[in-house]
Amino acid sequence: MSSLDTEPPSASEQISVEEVIHVAKLARLQLSEEEVKTFTDQLASVLRYASQVAALDTATVEPTAHPMAMVNVFREDLPRPGLNREEVLDQAPAVEGAFFKVPRIVGEE
């Protein structure tokens, strides 16, 4: 029998309506009675699942930052020749001297 087969604590043992109301008040949330009940049930479910995960024996599991073995996925940052200025400017819709000419958008008059 695995540790996941054991009966988790009931919702009332994990979180109370008063605790949900208290946390809502700290977060400055106004909850209806229906929302308090819904959040109490949802949080109890989350806490039950967390207690199941916490009950697992992880003594032989090595800590990781990622579940898959990762290698550097970035390309090497090697210098390479840039684009030819004349070729690039020849393809621009508007040029002024050795620069792209674009419409003014800030501080228009």
PDB file of N, CA and C in Angstrom:
ATOM      1  N   MET A   1       0.844  -1.183   0.000  1.00  0.00           N
ATOM      2  CA  MET A   1       0.000   0.000   0.000  1.00  0.00           C
ATOM      3  C   MET A   1       0.889   1.246   0.000  1.00  0.00           C
ATOM      4  N   SER A   2       0.660   2.155  -0.948  1.00  0.00           N
ATOM      5  CA  SER A   2       1.481   3.360  -1.027  1.00  0.00           C
ATOM      6  C   SER A   2       0.964   4.410  -0.060  1.00  0.00           C
ATOM      7  N   SER A   3       1.784   5.431   0.162  1.00  0.00           N
ATOM      8  CA  SER A   3       1.380   6.508   1.067  1.00  0.00           C
ATOM      9  C   SER A   3       0.224   7.319   0.495  1.00  0.00           C
ATOM     10  N   LEU A   4      -0.005   7.212  -0.831  1.00  0.00           N
ATOM     11  CA  LEU A   4      -1.114   7.937  -1.442  1.00  0.00           C
ATOM     12  C   LEU A   4      -2.449   7.244  -1.172  1.00  0.00           C
ATOM     13  N   ASP A   5      -2.406   5.967  -0.754  1.00  0.00           N
ATOM     14  CA  ASP A   5      -3.634   5.233  -0.488  1.00  0.00           C
ATOM     15  C   ASP A   5      -4.198   5.537   0.892  1.00  0.00           C
ATOM     16  N   THR A   6      -3.440   6.201   1.745  1.00  0.00           N
ATOM     17  CA  THR A   6      -3.935   6.501   3.084  1.00  0.00           C
ATOM     18  C   THR A   6      -4.961   7.604   3.015  1.00  0.00           C
ATOM     19  N   GLU A   7      -5.879   7.583   3.947  1.00  0.00           N
ATOM     20  CA  GLU A   7      -6.956   8.575   3.985  1.00  0.00           C
ATOM     21  C   GLU A   7      -6.407   9.924   4.430  1.00  0.00           C
ATOM     22  N   PRO A   8      -6.516  10.966   3.598  1.00  0.00           N
ATOM     23  CA  PRO A   8      -6.028  12.291   3.998  1.00  0.00           C
ATOM     24  C   PRO A   8      -6.948  12.896   5.048  1.00  0.00           C
ATOM     25  N   PRO A   9      -6.440  13.882   5.780  1.00  0.00           N
ATOM     26  CA  PRO A   9      -7.285  14.554   6.768  1.00  0.00           C
ATOM     27  C   PRO A   9      -8.499  15.175   6.091  1.00  0.00           C
ATOM     28  N   SER A  10      -9.596  15.280   6.821  1.00  0.00           N
ATOM     29  CA  SER A  10     -10.803  15.879   6.244  1.00  0.00           C
ATOM     30  C   SER A  10     -10.587  17.370   6.035  1.00  0.00           C
ATOM     31  N   ALA A  11     -11.458  17.965   5.231  1.00  0.00           N
ATOM     32  CA  ALA A  11     -11.337  19.390   4.928  1.00  0.00           C
ATOM     33  C   ALA A  11     -11.387  20.231   6.191  1.00  0.00           C
ATOM     34  N   SER A  12     -12.246  19.824   7.144  1.00  0.00           N
ATOM     35  CA  SER A  12     -12.375  20.621   8.365  1.00  0.00           C
ATOM     36  C   SER A  12     -11.109  20.565   9.214  1.00  0.00           C
ATOM     37  N   GLU A  13     -10.292  19.505   9.076  1.00  0.00           N
ATOM     38  CA  GLU A  13      -9.039  19.411   9.827  1.00  0.00           C
ATOM     39  C   GLU A  13      -7.945  20.251   9.170  1.00  0.00           C
ATOM     40  N   GLN A  14      -8.103  20.584   7.915  1.00  0.00           N
ATOM     41  CA  GLN A  14      -7.053  21.275   7.191  1.00  0.00           C
ATOM     42  C   GLN A  14      -7.217  22.793   7.199  1.00  0.00           C
ATOM     43  N   ILE A  15      -8.429  23.282   6.966  1.00  0.00           N
ATOM     44  CA  ILE A  15      -8.658  24.724   6.929  1.00  0.00           C
ATOM     45  C   ILE A  15     -10.109  24.988   7.335  1.00  0.00           C
ATOM     46  N   SER A  16     -10.288  26.018   8.106  1.00  0.00           N
ATOM     47  CA  SER A  16     -11.630  26.325   8.591  1.00  0.00           C
ATOM     48  C   SER A  16     -12.196  27.532   7.857  1.00  0.00           C
ATOM     49  N   VAL A  17     -13.500  27.676   7.961  1.00  0.00           N
ATOM     50  CA  VAL A  17     -14.186  28.832   7.388  1.00  0.00           C
ATOM     51  C   VAL A  17     -13.623  30.107   8.006  1.00  0.00           C
ATOM     52  N   GLU A  18     -13.362  30.070   9.307  1.00  0.00           N
ATOM     53  CA  GLU A  18     -12.818  31.254   9.996  1.00  0.00           C
ATOM     54  C   GLU A  18     -11.443  31.633   9.435  1.00  0.00           C
ATOM     55  N   GLU A  19     -10.628  30.631   9.112  1.00  0.00           N
ATOM     56  CA  GLU A  19      -9.311  30.926   8.534  1.00  0.00           C
ATOM     57  C   GLU A  19      -9.442  31.551   7.155  1.00  0.00           C
ATOM     58  N   VAL A  20     -10.373  31.063   6.368  1.00  0.00           N
ATOM     59  CA  VAL A  20     -10.593  31.639   5.037  1.00  0.00           C
ATOM     60  C   VAL A  20     -11.068  33.081   5.174  1.00  0.00           C
ATOM     61  N   ILE A  21     -11.990  33.334   6.086  1.00  0.00           N
ATOM     62  CA  ILE A  21     -12.475  34.694   6.315  1.00  0.00           C
ATOM     63  C   ILE A  21     -11.336  35.596   6.792  1.00  0.00           C
ATOM     64  N   HIS A  22     -10.483  35.079   7.675  1.00  0.00           N
ATOM     65  CA  HIS A  22      -9.354  35.857   8.192  1.00  0.00           C
ATOM     66  C   HIS A  22      -8.376  36.225   7.061  1.00  0.00           C
ATOM     67  N   VAL A  23      -8.047  35.254   6.226  1.00  0.00           N
ATOM     68  CA  VAL A  23      -7.121  35.515   5.119  1.00  0.00           C
ATOM     69  C   VAL A  23      -7.753  36.489   4.126  1.00  0.00           C
ATOM     70  N   ALA A  24      -9.035  36.336   3.860  1.00  0.00           N
ATOM     71  CA  ALA A  24      -9.721  37.260   2.955  1.00  0.00           C
ATOM     72  C   ALA A  24      -9.673  38.678   3.516  1.00  0.00           C
ATOM     73  N   LYS A  25      -9.856  38.792   4.825  1.00  0.00           N
ATOM     74  CA  LYS A  25      -9.809  40.114   5.457  1.00  0.00           C
ATOM     75  C   LYS A  25      -8.404  40.714   5.334  1.00  0.00           C
ATOM     76  N   LEU A  26      -7.365  39.888   5.544  1.00  0.00           N
ATOM     77  CA  LEU A  26      -5.990  40.372   5.403  1.00  0.00           C
ATOM     78  C   LEU A  26      -5.708  40.843   3.972  1.00  0.00           C
ATOM     79  N   ALA A  27      -6.313  40.152   3.009  1.00  0.00           N
ATOM     80  CA  ALA A  27      -6.136  40.512   1.598  1.00  0.00           C
ATOM     81  C   ALA A  27      -7.108  41.593   1.154  1.00  0.00           C
ATOM     82  N   ARG A  28      -7.923  42.068   2.116  1.00  0.00           N
ATOM     83  CA  ARG A  28      -8.920  43.103   1.848  1.00  0.00           C
ATOM     84  C   ARG A  28      -9.900  42.684   0.760  1.00  0.00           C
ATOM     85  N   LEU A  29     -10.332  41.413   0.861  1.00  0.00           N
ATOM     86  CA  LEU A  29     -11.323  40.883  -0.061  1.00  0.00           C
ATOM     87  C   LEU A  29     -12.659  40.754   0.655  1.00  0.00           C
ATOM     88  N   GLN A  30     -13.703  41.145   0.011  1.00  0.00           N
ATOM     89  CA  GLN A  30     -15.042  40.952   0.556  1.00  0.00           C
ATOM     90  C   GLN A  30     -15.635  39.736  -0.135  1.00  0.00           C
ATOM     91  N   LEU A  31     -15.860  38.668   0.635  1.00  0.00           N
ATOM     92  CA  LEU A  31     -16.374  37.433   0.068  1.00  0.00           C
ATOM     93  C   LEU A  31     -17.800  37.191   0.555  1.00  0.00           C
ATOM     94  N   SER A  32     -18.626  36.707  -0.339  1.00  0.00           N
ATOM     95  CA  SER A  32     -19.974  36.309   0.051  1.00  0.00           C
ATOM     96  C   SER A  32     -19.877  34.980   0.797  1.00  0.00           C
ATOM     97  N   GLU A  33     -20.978  34.590   1.449  1.00  0.00           N
ATOM     98  CA  GLU A  33     -20.990  33.314   2.159  1.00  0.00           C
ATOM     99  C   GLU A  33     -20.727  32.162   1.200  1.00  0.00           C
ATOM    100  N   GLU A  34     -21.267  32.252   0.002  1.00  0.00           N
ATOM    101  CA  GLU A  34     -21.067  31.206  -1.010  1.00  0.00           C
ATOM    102  C   GLU A  34     -19.591  31.135  -1.414  1.00  0.00           C
ATOM    103  N   GLU A  35     -18.951  32.290  -1.604  1.00  0.00           N
ATOM    104  CA  GLU A  35     -17.530  32.306  -1.961  1.00  0.00           C
ATOM    105  C   GLU A  35     -16.681  31.739  -0.832  1.00  0.00           C
ATOM    106  N   VAL A  36     -17.008  32.062   0.408  1.00  0.00           N
ATOM    107  CA  VAL A  36     -16.261  31.528   1.549  1.00  0.00           C
ATOM    108  C   VAL A  36     -16.336  30.005   1.545  1.00  0.00           C
ATOM    109  N   LYS A  37     -17.526  29.463   1.318  1.00  0.00           N
ATOM    110  CA  LYS A  37     -17.686  28.012   1.286  1.00  0.00           C
ATOM    111  C   LYS A  37     -16.893  27.408   0.125  1.00  0.00           C
ATOM    112  N   THR A  38     -17.010  28.023  -1.055  1.00  0.00           N
ATOM    113  CA  THR A  38     -16.302  27.533  -2.240  1.00  0.00           C
ATOM    114  C   THR A  38     -14.792  27.547  -2.006  1.00  0.00           C
ATOM    115  N   PHE A  39     -14.261  28.672  -1.498  1.00  0.00           N
ATOM    116  CA  PHE A  39     -12.813  28.771  -1.282  1.00  0.00           C
ATOM    117  C   PHE A  39     -12.343  27.833  -0.175  1.00  0.00           C
ATOM    118  N   THR A  40     -13.158  27.627   0.839  1.00  0.00           N
ATOM    119  CA  THR A  40     -12.799  26.684   1.897  1.00  0.00           C
ATOM    120  C   THR A  40     -12.653  25.285   1.315  1.00  0.00           C
ATOM    121  N   ASP A  41     -13.607  24.870   0.492  1.00  0.00           N
ATOM    122  CA  ASP A  41     -13.545  23.548  -0.143  1.00  0.00           C
ATOM    123  C   ASP A  41     -12.342  23.441  -1.085  1.00  0.00           C
ATOM    124  N   GLN A  42     -12.117  24.478  -1.889  1.00  0.00           N
ATOM    125  CA  GLN A  42     -11.007  24.449  -2.844  1.00  0.00           C
ATOM    126  C   GLN A  42      -9.659  24.422  -2.125  1.00  0.00           C
ATOM    127  N   LEU A  43      -9.495  25.257  -1.107  1.00  0.00           N
ATOM    128  CA  LEU A  43      -8.230  25.279  -0.368  1.00  0.00           C
ATOM    129  C   LEU A  43      -8.008  23.972   0.378  1.00  0.00           C
ATOM    130  N   ALA A  44      -9.062  23.382   0.906  1.00  0.00           N
ATOM    131  CA  ALA A  44      -8.937  22.093   1.580  1.00  0.00           C
ATOM    132  C   ALA A  44      -8.460  21.032   0.598  1.00  0.00           C
ATOM    133  N   SER A  45      -8.976  21.068  -0.617  1.00  0.00           N
ATOM    134  CA  SER A  45      -8.562  20.125  -1.649  1.00  0.00           C
ATOM    135  C   SER A  45      -7.077  20.300  -1.981  1.00  0.00           C
ATOM    136  N   VAL A  46      -6.636  21.544  -2.115  1.00  0.00           N
ATOM    137  CA  VAL A  46      -5.224  21.827  -2.389  1.00  0.00           C
ATOM    138  C   VAL A  46      -4.349  21.327  -1.238  1.00  0.00           C
ATOM    139  N   LEU A  47      -4.775  21.585  -0.014  1.00  0.00           N
ATOM    140  CA  LEU A  47      -3.996  21.162   1.147  1.00  0.00           C
ATOM    141  C   LEU A  47      -3.954  19.640   1.281  1.00  0.00           C
ATOM    142  N   ARG A  48      -5.053  18.956   0.948  1.00  0.00           N
ATOM    143  CA  ARG A  48      -5.048  17.491   0.966  1.00  0.00           C
ATOM    144  C   ARG A  48      -4.037  16.950  -0.031  1.00  0.00           C
ATOM    145  N   TYR A  49      -4.028  17.529  -1.236  1.00  0.00           N
ATOM    146  CA  TYR A  49      -3.078  17.089  -2.259  1.00  0.00           C
ATOM    147  C   TYR A  49      -1.643  17.380  -1.813  1.00  0.00           C
ATOM    148  N   ALA A  50      -1.412  18.549  -1.235  1.00  0.00           N
ATOM    149  CA  ALA A  50      -0.071  18.895  -0.756  1.00  0.00           C
ATOM    150  C   ALA A  50       0.379  17.937   0.333  1.00  0.00           C
ATOM    151  N   SER A  51      -0.529  17.509   1.197  1.00  0.00           N
ATOM    152  CA  SER A  51      -0.147  16.573   2.245  1.00  0.00           C
ATOM    153  C   SER A  51       0.187  15.208   1.661  1.00  0.00           C
ATOM    154  N   GLN A  52      -0.484  14.817   0.578  1.00  0.00           N
ATOM    155  CA  GLN A  52      -0.143  13.565  -0.095  1.00  0.00           C
ATOM    156  C   GLN A  52       1.256  13.650  -0.699  1.00  0.00           C
ATOM    157  N   VAL A  53       1.567  14.762  -1.331  1.00  0.00           N
ATOM    158  CA  VAL A  53       2.894  14.950  -1.925  1.00  0.00           C
ATOM    159  C   VAL A  53       3.951  14.976  -0.828  1.00  0.00           C
ATOM    160  N   ALA A  54       3.670  15.649   0.279  1.00  0.00           N
ATOM    161  CA  ALA A  54       4.624  15.735   1.383  1.00  0.00           C
ATOM    162  C   ALA A  54       4.876  14.371   2.014  1.00  0.00           C
ATOM    163  N   ALA A  55       3.910  13.461   1.919  1.00  0.00           N
ATOM    164  CA  ALA A  55       4.056  12.138   2.517  1.00  0.00           C
ATOM    165  C   ALA A  55       4.941  11.214   1.683  1.00  0.00           C
ATOM    166  N   LEU A  56       5.256  11.586   0.471  1.00  0.00           N
ATOM    167  CA  LEU A  56       6.092  10.744  -0.388  1.00  0.00           C
ATOM    168  C   LEU A  56       7.515  10.679   0.142  1.00  0.00           C
ATOM    169  N   ASP A  57       8.131   9.504  -0.005  1.00  0.00           N
ATOM    170  CA  ASP A  57       9.526   9.326   0.415  1.00  0.00           C
ATOM    171  C   ASP A  57      10.429   9.828  -0.709  1.00  0.00           C
ATOM    172  N   THR A  58      11.041  10.970  -0.503  1.00  0.00           N
ATOM    173  CA  THR A  58      11.915  11.559  -1.520  1.00  0.00           C
ATOM    174  C   THR A  58      13.380  11.535  -1.098  1.00  0.00           C
ATOM    175  N   ALA A  59      13.705  10.698  -0.123  1.00  0.00           N
ATOM    176  CA  ALA A  59      15.070  10.655   0.404  1.00  0.00           C
ATOM    177  C   ALA A  59      16.085  10.295  -0.679  1.00  0.00           C
ATOM    178  N   THR A  60      15.694   9.470  -1.638  1.00  0.00           N
ATOM    179  CA  THR A  60      16.640   9.045  -2.676  1.00  0.00           C
ATOM    180  C   THR A  60      16.514   9.856  -3.958  1.00  0.00           C
ATOM    181  N   VAL A  61      15.654  10.870  -3.958  1.00  0.00           N
ATOM    182  CA  VAL A  61      15.456  11.699  -5.148  1.00  0.00           C
ATOM    183  C   VAL A  61      16.401  12.885  -5.078  1.00  0.00           C
ATOM    184  N   GLU A  62      17.211  13.005  -6.102  1.00  0.00           N
ATOM    185  CA  GLU A  62      18.168  14.104  -6.138  1.00  0.00           C
ATOM    186  C   GLU A  62      17.470  15.411  -6.508  1.00  0.00           C
ATOM    187  N   PRO A  63      17.745  16.500  -5.786  1.00  0.00           N
ATOM    188  CA  PRO A  63      17.112  17.788  -6.112  1.00  0.00           C
ATOM    189  C   PRO A  63      17.499  18.239  -7.518  1.00  0.00           C
ATOM    190  N   THR A  64      16.549  18.804  -8.229  1.00  0.00           N
ATOM    191  CA  THR A  64      16.803  19.298  -9.581  1.00  0.00           C
ATOM    192  C   THR A  64      16.110  20.639  -9.786  1.00  0.00           C
ATOM    193  N   ALA A  65      16.595  21.382 -10.746  1.00  0.00           N
ATOM    194  CA  ALA A  65      15.947  22.633 -11.129  1.00  0.00           C
ATOM    195  C   ALA A  65      15.030  22.395 -12.316  1.00  0.00           C
ATOM    196  N   HIS A  66      15.230  21.267 -12.995  1.00  0.00           N
ATOM    197  CA  HIS A  66      14.440  20.934 -14.178  1.00  0.00           C
ATOM    198  C   HIS A  66      14.324  19.420 -14.251  1.00  0.00           C
ATOM    199  N   PRO A  67      13.161  18.888 -14.630  1.00  0.00           N
ATOM    200  CA  PRO A  67      12.999  17.434 -14.642  1.00  0.00           C
ATOM    201  C   PRO A  67      13.812  16.728 -15.721  1.00  0.00           C
ATOM    202  N   MET A  68      14.237  17.432 -16.732  1.00  0.00           N
ATOM    203  CA  MET A  68      15.023  16.839 -17.814  1.00  0.00           C
ATOM    204  C   MET A  68      16.452  17.364 -17.738  1.00  0.00           C
ATOM    205  N   ALA A  69      17.406  16.520 -18.125  1.00  0.00           N
ATOM    206  CA  ALA A  69      18.802  16.972 -18.174  1.00  0.00           C
ATOM    207  C   ALA A  69      18.916  18.039 -19.259  1.00  0.00           C
ATOM    208  N   MET A  70      19.456  19.178 -18.887  1.00  0.00           N
ATOM    209  CA  MET A  70      19.544  20.285 -19.836  1.00  0.00           C
ATOM    210  C   MET A  70      21.008  20.603 -20.126  1.00  0.00           C
ATOM    211  N   VAL A  71      21.250  20.991 -21.357  1.00  0.00           N
ATOM    212  CA  VAL A  71      22.557  21.505 -21.747  1.00  0.00           C
ATOM    213  C   VAL A  71      22.324  22.914 -22.267  1.00  0.00           C
ATOM    214  N   ASN A  72      23.381  23.660 -22.419  1.00  0.00           N
ATOM    215  CA  ASN A  72      23.236  25.018 -22.920  1.00  0.00           C
ATOM    216  C   ASN A  72      22.572  24.980 -24.286  1.00  0.00           C
ATOM    217  N   VAL A  73      21.387  25.553 -24.371  1.00  0.00           N
ATOM    218  CA  VAL A  73      20.647  25.529 -25.626  1.00  0.00           C
ATOM    219  C   VAL A  73      20.884  26.790 -26.457  1.00  0.00           C
ATOM    220  N   PHE A  74      21.738  27.673 -25.988  1.00  0.00           N
ATOM    221  CA  PHE A  74      22.023  28.898 -26.710  1.00  0.00           C
ATOM    222  C   PHE A  74      23.195  28.680 -27.667  1.00  0.00           C
ATOM    223  N   ARG A  75      23.157  29.368 -28.763  1.00  0.00           N
ATOM    224  CA  ARG A  75      24.273  29.284 -29.696  1.00  0.00           C
ATOM    225  C   ARG A  75      25.454  30.062 -29.124  1.00  0.00           C
ATOM    226  N   GLU A  76      26.609  29.743 -29.601  1.00  0.00           N
ATOM    227  CA  GLU A  76      27.787  30.488 -29.160  1.00  0.00           C
ATOM    228  C   GLU A  76      27.680  31.919 -29.660  1.00  0.00           C
ATOM    229  N   ASP A  77      28.103  32.856 -28.849  1.00  0.00           N
ATOM    230  CA  ASP A  77      28.058  34.260 -29.223  1.00  0.00           C
ATOM    231  C   ASP A  77      29.371  34.615 -29.897  1.00  0.00           C
ATOM    232  N   LEU A  78      29.435  34.371 -31.189  1.00  0.00           N
ATOM    233  CA  LEU A  78      30.650  34.618 -31.956  1.00  0.00           C
ATOM    234  C   LEU A  78      30.468  35.844 -32.835  1.00  0.00           C
ATOM    235  N   PRO A  79      31.497  36.655 -32.936  1.00  0.00           N
ATOM    236  CA  PRO A  79      31.381  37.816 -33.826  1.00  0.00           C
ATOM    237  C   PRO A  79      31.272  37.357 -35.278  1.00  0.00           C
ATOM    238  N   ARG A  80      30.481  38.071 -36.044  1.00  0.00           N
ATOM    239  CA  ARG A  80      30.364  37.774 -37.466  1.00  0.00           C
ATOM    240  C   ARG A  80      30.127  39.086 -38.198  1.00  0.00           C
ATOM    241  N   PRO A  81      30.380  39.098 -39.468  1.00  0.00           N
ATOM    242  CA  PRO A  81      30.237  40.348 -40.210  1.00  0.00           C
ATOM    243  C   PRO A  81      28.797  40.839 -40.197  1.00  0.00           C
ATOM    244  N   GLY A  82      28.643  42.165 -40.120  1.00  0.00           N
ATOM    245  CA  GLY A  82      27.317  42.765 -40.147  1.00  0.00           C
ATOM    246  C   GLY A  82      26.823  42.897 -41.572  1.00  0.00           C
ATOM    247  N   LEU A  83      25.653  43.486 -41.704  1.00  0.00           N
ATOM    248  CA  LEU A  83      25.079  43.698 -43.026  1.00  0.00           C
ATOM    249  C   LEU A  83      25.771  44.869 -43.710  1.00  0.00           C
ATOM    250  N   ASN A  84      25.796  44.832 -45.005  1.00  0.00           N
ATOM    251  CA  ASN A  84      26.379  45.914 -45.792  1.00  0.00           C
ATOM    252  C   ASN A  84      25.429  47.098 -45.761  1.00  0.00           C
ATOM    253  N   ARG A  85      25.914  48.245 -45.290  1.00  0.00           N
ATOM    254  CA  ARG A  85      25.072  49.433 -45.128  1.00  0.00           C
ATOM    255  C   ARG A  85      24.389  49.841 -46.428  1.00  0.00           C
ATOM    256  N   GLU A  86      25.118  49.823 -47.533  1.00  0.00           N
ATOM    257  CA  GLU A  86      24.553  50.261 -48.814  1.00  0.00           C
ATOM    258  C   GLU A  86      23.402  49.349 -49.238  1.00  0.00           C
ATOM    259  N   GLU A  87      23.575  48.030 -49.070  1.00  0.00           N
ATOM    260  CA  GLU A  87      22.520  47.084 -49.456  1.00  0.00           C
ATOM    261  C   GLU A  87      21.268  47.286 -48.602  1.00  0.00           C
ATOM    262  N   VAL A  88      21.448  47.494 -47.313  1.00  0.00           N
ATOM    263  CA  VAL A  88      20.316  47.673 -46.418  1.00  0.00           C
ATOM    264  C   VAL A  88      19.591  48.968 -46.737  1.00  0.00           C
ATOM    265  N   LEU A  89      20.318  50.059 -46.885  1.00  0.00           N
ATOM    266  CA  LEU A  89      19.690  51.351 -47.177  1.00  0.00           C
ATOM    267  C   LEU A  89      18.996  51.350 -48.534  1.00  0.00           C
ATOM    268  N   ASP A  90      19.507  50.562 -49.491  1.00  0.00           N
ATOM    269  CA  ASP A  90      18.863  50.467 -50.802  1.00  0.00           C
ATOM    270  C   ASP A  90      17.465  49.856 -50.695  1.00  0.00           C
ATOM    271  N   GLN A  91      17.220  49.064 -49.640  1.00  0.00           N
ATOM    272  CA  GLN A  91      15.925  48.399 -49.481  1.00  0.00           C
ATOM    273  C   GLN A  91      14.963  49.211 -48.608  1.00  0.00           C
ATOM    274  N   ALA A  92      15.419  50.288 -48.012  1.00  0.00           N
ATOM    275  CA  ALA A  92      14.582  51.092 -47.123  1.00  0.00           C
ATOM    276  C   ALA A  92      13.619  51.950 -47.941  1.00  0.00           C
ATOM    277  N   PRO A  93      12.404  52.196 -47.418  1.00  0.00           N
ATOM    278  CA  PRO A  93      11.456  53.039 -48.152  1.00  0.00           C
ATOM    279  C   PRO A  93      11.894  54.502 -48.219  1.00  0.00           C
ATOM    280  N   ALA A  94      12.620  54.982 -47.191  1.00  0.00           N
ATOM    281  CA  ALA A  94      13.091  56.374 -47.204  1.00  0.00           C
ATOM    282  C   ALA A  94      14.439  56.437 -46.484  1.00  0.00           C
ATOM    283  N   VAL A  95      15.342  57.205 -47.050  1.00  0.00           N
ATOM    284  CA  VAL A  95      16.694  57.333 -46.514  1.00  0.00           C
ATOM    285  C   VAL A  95      17.056  58.804 -46.458  1.00  0.00           C
ATOM    286  N   GLU A  96      17.797  59.165 -45.408  1.00  0.00           N
ATOM    287  CA  GLU A  96      18.329  60.520 -45.315  1.00  0.00           C
ATOM    288  C   GLU A  96      19.798  60.392 -44.949  1.00  0.00           C
ATOM    289  N   GLY A  97      20.665  60.665 -45.909  1.00  0.00           N
ATOM    290  CA  GLY A  97      22.096  60.479 -45.697  1.00  0.00           C
ATOM    291  C   GLY A  97      22.399  58.996 -45.546  1.00  0.00           C
ATOM    292  N   ALA A  98      23.036  58.627 -44.427  1.00  0.00           N
ATOM    293  CA  ALA A  98      23.387  57.229 -44.188  1.00  0.00           C
ATOM    294  C   ALA A  98      22.442  56.586 -43.171  1.00  0.00           C
ATOM    295  N   PHE A  99      21.185  57.127 -43.057  1.00  0.00           N
ATOM    296  CA  PHE A  99      20.246  56.640 -42.045  1.00  0.00           C
ATOM    297  C   PHE A  99      18.872  56.360 -42.662  1.00  0.00           C
ATOM    298  N   PHE A 100      18.092  55.526 -41.958  1.00  0.00           N
ATOM    299  CA  PHE A 100      16.690  55.329 -42.322  1.00  0.00           C
ATOM    300  C   PHE A 100      15.938  56.607 -41.984  1.00  0.00           C
ATOM    301  N   LYS A 101      14.998  56.983 -42.823  1.00  0.00           N
ATOM    302  CA  LYS A 101      14.165  58.136 -42.523  1.00  0.00           C
ATOM    303  C   LYS A 101      12.787  57.610 -42.144  1.00  0.00           C
ATOM    304  N   VAL A 102      12.335  57.987 -40.950  1.00  0.00           N
ATOM    305  CA  VAL A 102      11.040  57.514 -40.457  1.00  0.00           C
ATOM    306  C   VAL A 102      10.194  58.722 -40.086  1.00  0.00           C
ATOM    307  N   PRO A 103       8.864  58.555 -40.084  1.00  0.00           N
ATOM    308  CA  PRO A 103       8.004  59.679 -39.712  1.00  0.00           C
ATOM    309  C   PRO A 103       8.166  60.026 -38.231  1.00  0.00           C
ATOM    310  N   ARG A 104       8.096  61.298 -37.915  1.00  0.00           N
ATOM    311  CA  ARG A 104       8.186  61.743 -36.531  1.00  0.00           C
ATOM    312  C   ARG A 104       6.872  61.394 -35.827  1.00  0.00           C
ATOM    313  N   ILE A 105       6.999  60.804 -34.635  1.00  0.00           N
ATOM    314  CA  ILE A 105       5.786  60.443 -33.889  1.00  0.00           C
ATOM    315  C   ILE A 105       5.748  61.064 -32.510  1.00  0.00           C
ATOM    316  N   VAL A 106       6.876  61.462 -31.959  1.00  0.00           N
ATOM    317  CA  VAL A 106       6.927  62.065 -30.642  1.00  0.00           C
ATOM    318  C   VAL A 106       7.148  63.553 -30.800  1.00  0.00           C
ATOM    319  N   GLY A 107       6.349  64.355 -30.110  1.00  0.00           N
ATOM    320  CA  GLY A 107       6.513  65.798 -30.152  1.00  0.00           C
ATOM    321  C   GLY A 107       6.192  66.391 -31.507  1.00  0.00           C
ATOM    322  N   GLU A 108       5.195  65.799 -32.169  1.00  0.00           N
ATOM    323  CA  GLU A 108       4.806  66.326 -33.482  1.00  0.00           C
ATOM    324  C   GLU A 108       4.308  67.743 -33.352  1.00  0.00           C
ATOM    325  N   GLU A 109       4.517  68.536 -34.374  1.00  0.00           N
ATOM    326  CA  GLU A 109       4.060  69.921 -34.392  1.00  0.00           C
ATOM    327  C   GLU A 109       3.029  70.122 -35.450  1.00  0.00           C
TER     328      GLU A 109
END
